[in-house]
């Protein structure tokens, strides 16, 4: 890896560790890592009955995403197993487990995030997870 790639991976590895340690109670460390013009997208994009998964085009919209996520779901585990980096992009491969606050059902899913960094900040974020399992846990 290049120096830039190593730096980006280190920043994101720390972010994922803090996210897991907080059990989703605080996303401030993520907010601190984002550029003002961040683009944030979820594979589900509202398909799992959650309007908060619509695409975000600013830090304030991403803050709303995290607030609405924590209202609907309780994080049980979030593990970042592997990081792949090339240039300004980093891919995180891992898994996560959440409990839906309305139904009490849990979902454990593989997770992949594709991230583009600029000057140490997240400018693009796309998350991939098992949307069918997430939808099933909401009903």
N, C-alpha and C. Protein backbone atom coordinates (compact mmCIF):
# COMPACT_ATOMS: atom_id res chain seq x y z
N UNK A 1 0.84 -1.19 0.00
CA UNK A 1 0.00 0.00 0.00
C UNK A 1 0.88 1.25 0.00
N UNK A 2 0.35 2.29 -0.62
CA UNK A 2 1.05 3.58 -0.59
C UNK A 2 0.83 4.24 0.77
N UNK A 3 1.55 5.31 1.02
CA UNK A 3 1.39 6.05 2.28
C UNK A 3 -0.04 6.58 2.40
N UNK A 4 -0.59 7.12 1.31
CA UNK A 4 -1.96 7.63 1.33
C UNK A 4 -2.95 6.52 1.63
N UNK A 5 -2.79 5.38 1.00
CA UNK A 5 -3.69 4.25 1.23
C UNK A 5 -3.61 3.78 2.69
N UNK A 6 -2.39 3.69 3.22
CA UNK A 6 -2.22 3.29 4.62
C UNK A 6 -2.89 4.28 5.57
N UNK A 7 -2.75 5.57 5.28
CA UNK A 7 -3.37 6.60 6.12
C UNK A 7 -4.89 6.49 6.07
N UNK A 8 -5.45 6.35 4.87
CA UNK A 8 -6.90 6.23 4.75
C UNK A 8 -7.42 5.00 5.48
N UNK A 9 -6.74 3.88 5.35
CA UNK A 9 -7.16 2.66 6.04
C UNK A 9 -7.08 2.86 7.55
N UNK A 10 -6.02 3.48 8.05
CA UNK A 10 -5.88 3.70 9.49
C UNK A 10 -7.00 4.58 10.03
N UNK A 11 -7.34 5.63 9.31
CA UNK A 11 -8.43 6.53 9.72
C UNK A 11 -9.75 5.77 9.77
N UNK A 12 -10.02 4.99 8.75
CA UNK A 12 -11.29 4.26 8.69
C UNK A 12 -11.32 3.10 9.69
N UNK A 13 -10.22 2.40 9.86
CA UNK A 13 -10.17 1.31 10.84
C UNK A 13 -10.54 1.86 12.23
N UNK A 14 -9.98 3.00 12.58
CA UNK A 14 -10.31 3.64 13.86
C UNK A 14 -11.79 4.01 13.92
N UNK A 15 -12.33 4.53 12.82
CA UNK A 15 -13.75 4.88 12.78
C UNK A 15 -14.65 3.68 13.01
N UNK A 16 -14.34 2.56 12.38
CA UNK A 16 -15.15 1.35 12.57
C UNK A 16 -15.01 0.81 13.99
N UNK A 17 -13.82 0.87 14.57
CA UNK A 17 -13.65 0.43 15.96
C UNK A 17 -14.49 1.28 16.91
N UNK A 18 -14.46 2.59 16.71
CA UNK A 18 -15.26 3.49 17.56
C UNK A 18 -16.76 3.25 17.36
N UNK A 19 -17.17 2.99 16.14
CA UNK A 19 -18.58 2.72 15.84
C UNK A 19 -19.03 1.46 16.58
N UNK A 20 -18.25 0.39 16.51
CA UNK A 20 -18.58 -0.84 17.22
C UNK A 20 -18.56 -0.60 18.73
N UNK A 21 -17.55 0.07 19.23
CA UNK A 21 -17.44 0.31 20.68
C UNK A 21 -18.61 1.13 21.21
N UNK A 22 -19.14 2.05 20.42
CA UNK A 22 -20.27 2.88 20.86
C UNK A 22 -21.60 2.15 20.73
N UNK A 23 -21.59 1.00 20.06
CA UNK A 23 -22.81 0.24 19.78
C UNK A 23 -23.86 1.12 19.10
N UNK A 24 -23.38 2.04 18.28
CA UNK A 24 -24.28 2.89 17.51
C UNK A 24 -24.87 4.05 18.28
N UNK A 25 -24.48 4.22 19.55
CA UNK A 25 -25.03 5.31 20.36
C UNK A 25 -24.49 6.67 19.94
N UNK A 26 -23.33 6.68 19.31
CA UNK A 26 -22.75 7.95 18.87
C UNK A 26 -22.12 7.78 17.50
N UNK A 27 -22.50 8.67 16.61
CA UNK A 27 -21.90 8.67 15.27
C UNK A 27 -21.00 9.89 15.09
N UNK A 28 -20.68 10.56 16.19
CA UNK A 28 -19.89 11.79 16.08
C UNK A 28 -18.54 11.55 15.42
N UNK A 29 -17.91 10.43 15.73
CA UNK A 29 -16.62 10.15 15.10
C UNK A 29 -16.76 10.02 13.58
N UNK A 30 -17.90 9.46 13.11
CA UNK A 30 -18.13 9.40 11.66
C UNK A 30 -18.34 10.81 11.11
N UNK A 31 -19.12 11.62 11.84
CA UNK A 31 -19.38 12.97 11.37
C UNK A 31 -18.08 13.77 11.25
N UNK A 32 -17.16 13.55 12.19
CA UNK A 32 -15.88 14.24 12.16
C UNK A 32 -15.02 13.81 10.96
N UNK A 33 -15.29 12.63 10.41
CA UNK A 33 -14.50 12.11 9.29
C UNK A 33 -15.08 12.49 7.92
N UNK A 34 -16.20 13.20 7.90
CA UNK A 34 -16.86 13.48 6.63
C UNK A 34 -16.59 14.87 6.10
N UNK A 35 -16.44 14.94 4.79
CA UNK A 35 -16.38 16.23 4.10
C UNK A 35 -17.78 16.84 4.12
N UNK A 36 -17.85 18.16 4.03
CA UNK A 36 -19.15 18.84 4.03
C UNK A 36 -20.03 18.37 2.87
N UNK A 37 -19.41 18.06 1.73
CA UNK A 37 -20.16 17.67 0.54
C UNK A 37 -20.22 16.15 0.34
N UNK A 38 -20.20 15.41 1.43
CA UNK A 38 -20.20 13.95 1.37
C UNK A 38 -21.44 13.43 0.64
N UNK A 39 -21.26 12.34 -0.11
CA UNK A 39 -22.37 11.60 -0.72
C UNK A 39 -22.42 10.24 -0.02
N UNK A 40 -23.57 9.90 0.54
CA UNK A 40 -23.73 8.70 1.37
C UNK A 40 -24.93 7.93 0.83
N UNK A 41 -24.73 6.66 0.45
CA UNK A 41 -25.79 5.86 -0.15
C UNK A 41 -25.84 4.47 0.47
N UNK A 42 -27.04 3.92 0.52
CA UNK A 42 -27.26 2.55 0.98
C UNK A 42 -27.83 1.72 -0.16
N UNK A 43 -27.41 0.47 -0.24
CA UNK A 43 -27.95 -0.43 -1.25
C UNK A 43 -29.47 -0.46 -1.17
N UNK A 44 -30.01 -0.50 0.04
CA UNK A 44 -31.44 -0.59 0.25
C UNK A 44 -32.20 0.62 -0.23
N UNK A 45 -31.63 1.79 -0.11
CA UNK A 45 -32.24 3.06 -0.53
C UNK A 45 -33.75 3.06 -0.35
N UNK A 46 -34.20 2.94 0.86
CA UNK A 46 -35.59 2.93 1.34
C UNK A 46 -36.32 1.63 1.07
N UNK A 47 -35.70 0.65 0.42
CA UNK A 47 -36.38 -0.60 0.10
C UNK A 47 -36.74 -1.40 1.35
N UNK A 48 -35.98 -1.22 2.41
CA UNK A 48 -36.24 -1.99 3.64
C UNK A 48 -37.20 -1.24 4.55
N UNK A 49 -38.08 -0.42 3.98
CA UNK A 49 -39.08 0.28 4.76
C UNK A 49 -38.50 1.37 5.65
N UNK A 50 -37.35 1.87 5.30
CA UNK A 50 -36.70 2.88 6.12
C UNK A 50 -36.32 4.07 5.25
N UNK A 51 -37.07 5.15 5.37
CA UNK A 51 -36.82 6.31 4.53
C UNK A 51 -35.43 6.90 4.77
N UNK A 52 -34.87 6.66 5.95
CA UNK A 52 -33.55 7.22 6.25
C UNK A 52 -32.45 6.66 5.36
N UNK A 53 -32.70 5.54 4.68
CA UNK A 53 -31.67 4.95 3.83
C UNK A 53 -31.58 5.62 2.45
N UNK A 54 -32.39 6.65 2.23
CA UNK A 54 -32.27 7.38 0.96
C UNK A 54 -30.90 8.05 0.89
N UNK A 55 -30.46 8.35 -0.29
CA UNK A 55 -29.14 8.95 -0.47
C UNK A 55 -29.01 10.29 0.24
N UNK A 56 -27.82 10.57 0.74
CA UNK A 56 -27.52 11.82 1.44
C UNK A 56 -26.46 12.58 0.65
N UNK A 57 -26.60 13.90 0.61
CA UNK A 57 -25.66 14.73 -0.14
C UNK A 57 -25.01 15.82 0.70
N UNK A 58 -25.04 15.65 2.03
CA UNK A 58 -24.39 16.62 2.92
C UNK A 58 -24.21 15.99 4.30
N UNK A 59 -23.36 16.62 5.11
CA UNK A 59 -23.15 16.12 6.47
C UNK A 59 -24.45 16.15 7.27
N UNK A 60 -25.25 17.20 7.10
CA UNK A 60 -26.50 17.28 7.87
C UNK A 60 -27.46 16.16 7.49
N UNK A 61 -27.49 15.78 6.23
CA UNK A 61 -28.34 14.66 5.82
C UNK A 61 -27.81 13.35 6.38
N UNK A 62 -26.50 13.18 6.44
CA UNK A 62 -25.93 11.96 7.02
C UNK A 62 -26.22 11.92 8.52
N UNK A 63 -26.18 13.07 9.18
CA UNK A 63 -26.52 13.13 10.61
C UNK A 63 -27.95 12.64 10.81
N UNK A 64 -28.87 13.05 9.95
CA UNK A 64 -30.26 12.58 10.01
C UNK A 64 -30.31 11.07 9.83
N UNK A 65 -29.54 10.55 8.88
CA UNK A 65 -29.48 9.11 8.65
C UNK A 65 -29.13 8.38 9.94
N UNK A 66 -28.07 8.82 10.63
CA UNK A 66 -27.65 8.14 11.85
C UNK A 66 -28.70 8.27 12.96
N UNK A 67 -29.34 9.43 13.08
CA UNK A 67 -30.37 9.60 14.10
C UNK A 67 -31.55 8.66 13.85
N UNK A 68 -32.00 8.59 12.61
CA UNK A 68 -33.13 7.72 12.29
C UNK A 68 -32.75 6.25 12.38
N UNK A 69 -31.52 5.91 12.01
CA UNK A 69 -31.05 4.54 12.16
C UNK A 69 -31.12 4.12 13.62
N UNK A 70 -30.64 4.96 14.53
CA UNK A 70 -30.62 4.60 15.95
C UNK A 70 -32.01 4.56 16.55
N UNK A 71 -32.97 5.27 15.98
CA UNK A 71 -34.35 5.18 16.46
C UNK A 71 -34.99 3.84 16.10
N UNK A 72 -34.61 3.29 14.96
CA UNK A 72 -35.23 2.05 14.47
C UNK A 72 -34.46 0.79 14.85
N UNK A 73 -33.15 0.90 15.01
CA UNK A 73 -32.31 -0.29 15.20
C UNK A 73 -31.36 -0.11 16.37
N UNK A 74 -31.11 -1.21 17.07
CA UNK A 74 -30.09 -1.27 18.12
C UNK A 74 -28.92 -2.09 17.59
N UNK A 75 -27.73 -1.51 17.59
CA UNK A 75 -26.56 -2.25 17.13
C UNK A 75 -26.14 -3.28 18.17
N UNK A 76 -25.96 -4.51 17.72
CA UNK A 76 -25.45 -5.57 18.59
C UNK A 76 -23.97 -5.82 18.33
N UNK A 77 -23.57 -5.72 17.07
CA UNK A 77 -22.17 -5.95 16.72
C UNK A 77 -21.89 -5.33 15.35
N UNK A 78 -20.67 -4.85 15.18
CA UNK A 78 -20.23 -4.31 13.90
C UNK A 78 -18.75 -4.61 13.77
N UNK A 79 -18.40 -5.53 12.90
CA UNK A 79 -17.03 -5.98 12.79
C UNK A 79 -16.47 -5.67 11.40
N UNK A 80 -15.37 -4.95 11.38
CA UNK A 80 -14.65 -4.68 10.13
C UNK A 80 -13.50 -5.68 10.06
N UNK A 81 -13.62 -6.66 9.17
CA UNK A 81 -12.64 -7.74 9.09
C UNK A 81 -11.46 -7.43 8.17
N UNK A 82 -11.73 -6.70 7.10
CA UNK A 82 -10.69 -6.53 6.09
C UNK A 82 -10.85 -5.18 5.39
N UNK A 83 -9.72 -4.58 5.05
CA UNK A 83 -9.71 -3.32 4.32
C UNK A 83 -8.86 -3.50 3.06
N UNK A 84 -9.40 -3.09 1.93
CA UNK A 84 -8.70 -3.12 0.65
C UNK A 84 -8.61 -1.67 0.17
N UNK A 85 -7.43 -1.25 -0.23
CA UNK A 85 -7.26 0.15 -0.63
C UNK A 85 -6.57 0.24 -1.97
N UNK A 86 -7.03 1.18 -2.77
CA UNK A 86 -6.38 1.51 -4.03
C UNK A 86 -6.62 2.99 -4.30
N UNK A 87 -5.54 3.74 -4.34
CA UNK A 87 -5.67 5.17 -4.55
C UNK A 87 -6.48 5.82 -3.44
N UNK A 88 -7.51 6.58 -3.80
CA UNK A 88 -8.31 7.27 -2.80
C UNK A 88 -9.51 6.44 -2.33
N UNK A 89 -9.60 5.19 -2.76
CA UNK A 89 -10.74 4.32 -2.39
C UNK A 89 -10.32 3.26 -1.39
N UNK A 90 -11.25 2.99 -0.47
CA UNK A 90 -11.08 1.92 0.51
C UNK A 90 -12.36 1.11 0.53
N UNK A 91 -12.21 -0.21 0.54
CA UNK A 91 -13.35 -1.11 0.69
C UNK A 91 -13.20 -1.80 2.04
N UNK A 92 -14.27 -1.77 2.84
CA UNK A 92 -14.30 -2.48 4.10
C UNK A 92 -15.20 -3.70 3.92
N UNK A 93 -14.70 -4.86 4.32
CA UNK A 93 -15.48 -6.09 4.31
C UNK A 93 -15.64 -6.54 5.75
N UNK A 94 -16.86 -6.82 6.15
CA UNK A 94 -17.11 -7.23 7.53
C UNK A 94 -18.50 -7.78 7.69
N UNK A 95 -19.05 -7.59 8.88
CA UNK A 95 -20.40 -8.04 9.19
C UNK A 95 -20.98 -7.15 10.27
N UNK A 96 -22.29 -7.18 10.38
CA UNK A 96 -22.95 -6.43 11.44
C UNK A 96 -24.20 -7.17 11.89
N UNK A 97 -24.61 -6.87 13.10
CA UNK A 97 -25.83 -7.47 13.66
C UNK A 97 -26.61 -6.37 14.36
N UNK A 98 -27.89 -6.30 14.02
CA UNK A 98 -28.77 -5.26 14.55
C UNK A 98 -30.07 -5.89 15.05
N UNK A 99 -30.70 -5.23 16.00
CA UNK A 99 -32.01 -5.65 16.52
C UNK A 99 -32.99 -4.53 16.21
N UNK A 100 -34.10 -4.89 15.55
CA UNK A 100 -35.11 -3.89 15.21
C UNK A 100 -35.88 -3.52 16.47
N UNK A 101 -35.96 -2.26 16.78
CA UNK A 101 -36.60 -1.80 18.02
C UNK A 101 -38.10 -2.04 18.02
N UNK A 102 -38.73 -2.05 16.86
CA UNK A 102 -40.17 -2.25 16.78
C UNK A 102 -40.60 -3.69 16.90
N UNK A 103 -39.84 -4.61 16.30
CA UNK A 103 -40.24 -6.02 16.28
C UNK A 103 -39.43 -6.88 17.24
N UNK A 104 -38.26 -6.42 17.64
CA UNK A 104 -37.38 -7.23 18.48
C UNK A 104 -36.60 -8.28 17.70
N UNK A 105 -36.81 -8.33 16.39
CA UNK A 105 -36.10 -9.31 15.56
C UNK A 105 -34.67 -8.82 15.28
N UNK A 106 -33.77 -9.80 15.14
CA UNK A 106 -32.38 -9.45 14.84
C UNK A 106 -32.03 -9.86 13.41
N UNK A 107 -31.05 -9.17 12.88
CA UNK A 107 -30.52 -9.49 11.56
C UNK A 107 -29.00 -9.41 11.64
N UNK A 108 -28.37 -10.46 11.16
CA UNK A 108 -26.90 -10.49 11.04
C UNK A 108 -26.61 -10.61 9.56
N UNK A 109 -25.77 -9.72 9.05
CA UNK A 109 -25.55 -9.66 7.61
C UNK A 109 -24.08 -9.37 7.29
N UNK A 110 -23.60 -9.94 6.20
CA UNK A 110 -22.31 -9.48 5.70
C UNK A 110 -22.43 -8.00 5.34
N UNK A 111 -21.32 -7.28 5.38
CA UNK A 111 -21.34 -5.84 5.12
C UNK A 111 -20.14 -5.49 4.27
N UNK A 112 -20.37 -4.67 3.27
CA UNK A 112 -19.28 -4.13 2.45
C UNK A 112 -19.54 -2.64 2.27
N UNK A 113 -18.54 -1.84 2.51
CA UNK A 113 -18.62 -0.40 2.30
C UNK A 113 -17.54 0.01 1.31
N UNK A 114 -17.93 0.82 0.34
CA UNK A 114 -16.98 1.36 -0.64
C UNK A 114 -16.88 2.85 -0.35
N UNK A 115 -15.68 3.30 -0.04
CA UNK A 115 -15.47 4.66 0.45
C UNK A 115 -14.41 5.35 -0.40
N UNK A 116 -14.66 6.61 -0.70
CA UNK A 116 -13.65 7.43 -1.37
C UNK A 116 -13.27 8.56 -0.41
N UNK A 117 -11.97 8.75 -0.26
CA UNK A 117 -11.44 9.75 0.67
C UNK A 117 -10.80 10.91 -0.10
N UNK A 118 -10.84 12.08 0.52
CA UNK A 118 -10.14 13.26 -0.01
C UNK A 118 -9.60 14.04 1.18
N UNK A 119 -8.31 14.22 1.22
CA UNK A 119 -7.67 14.97 2.32
C UNK A 119 -8.05 14.41 3.69
N UNK A 120 -8.12 13.09 3.80
CA UNK A 120 -8.42 12.44 5.07
C UNK A 120 -9.88 12.45 5.46
N UNK A 121 -10.76 12.87 4.56
CA UNK A 121 -12.20 12.94 4.84
C UNK A 121 -12.97 12.05 3.87
N UNK A 122 -14.10 11.52 4.33
CA UNK A 122 -14.97 10.71 3.49
C UNK A 122 -15.75 11.64 2.57
N UNK A 123 -15.66 11.39 1.25
CA UNK A 123 -16.43 12.17 0.29
C UNK A 123 -17.50 11.33 -0.40
N UNK A 124 -17.30 10.03 -0.49
CA UNK A 124 -18.30 9.11 -1.04
C UNK A 124 -18.34 7.87 -0.17
N UNK A 125 -19.57 7.39 0.11
CA UNK A 125 -19.75 6.20 0.93
C UNK A 125 -20.94 5.43 0.36
N UNK A 126 -20.73 4.17 0.03
CA UNK A 126 -21.81 3.30 -0.45
C UNK A 126 -21.75 2.02 0.36
N UNK A 127 -22.88 1.68 1.02
CA UNK A 127 -22.91 0.47 1.84
C UNK A 127 -23.76 -0.61 1.19
N UNK A 128 -23.28 -1.85 1.34
CA UNK A 128 -23.96 -3.03 0.81
C UNK A 128 -24.20 -3.98 1.97
N UNK A 129 -25.43 -4.49 2.06
CA UNK A 129 -25.80 -5.43 3.12
C UNK A 129 -27.00 -6.23 2.65
N UNK A 130 -27.43 -7.20 3.43
CA UNK A 130 -28.55 -8.07 3.06
C UNK A 130 -29.86 -7.32 3.30
N UNK A 131 -30.36 -6.65 2.27
CA UNK A 131 -31.58 -5.86 2.42
C UNK A 131 -32.80 -6.74 2.65
N UNK A 132 -32.82 -7.95 2.11
CA UNK A 132 -33.96 -8.86 2.34
C UNK A 132 -34.05 -9.24 3.81
N UNK A 133 -32.92 -9.52 4.43
CA UNK A 133 -32.91 -9.86 5.86
C UNK A 133 -33.32 -8.65 6.69
N UNK A 134 -32.87 -7.46 6.31
CA UNK A 134 -33.26 -6.25 7.04
C UNK A 134 -34.76 -6.03 6.94
N UNK A 135 -35.32 -6.19 5.76
CA UNK A 135 -36.76 -6.03 5.57
C UNK A 135 -37.53 -7.05 6.39
N UNK A 136 -37.08 -8.30 6.38
CA UNK A 136 -37.76 -9.35 7.15
C UNK A 136 -37.78 -9.03 8.64
N UNK A 137 -36.76 -8.39 9.14
CA UNK A 137 -36.69 -8.06 10.57
C UNK A 137 -37.63 -6.92 10.95
N UNK A 138 -38.12 -6.17 9.97
CA UNK A 138 -39.00 -5.03 10.28
C UNK A 138 -40.47 -5.42 10.38
N UNK A 139 -40.80 -6.66 10.01
CA UNK A 139 -42.22 -7.07 10.03
C UNK A 139 -42.45 -8.27 10.93
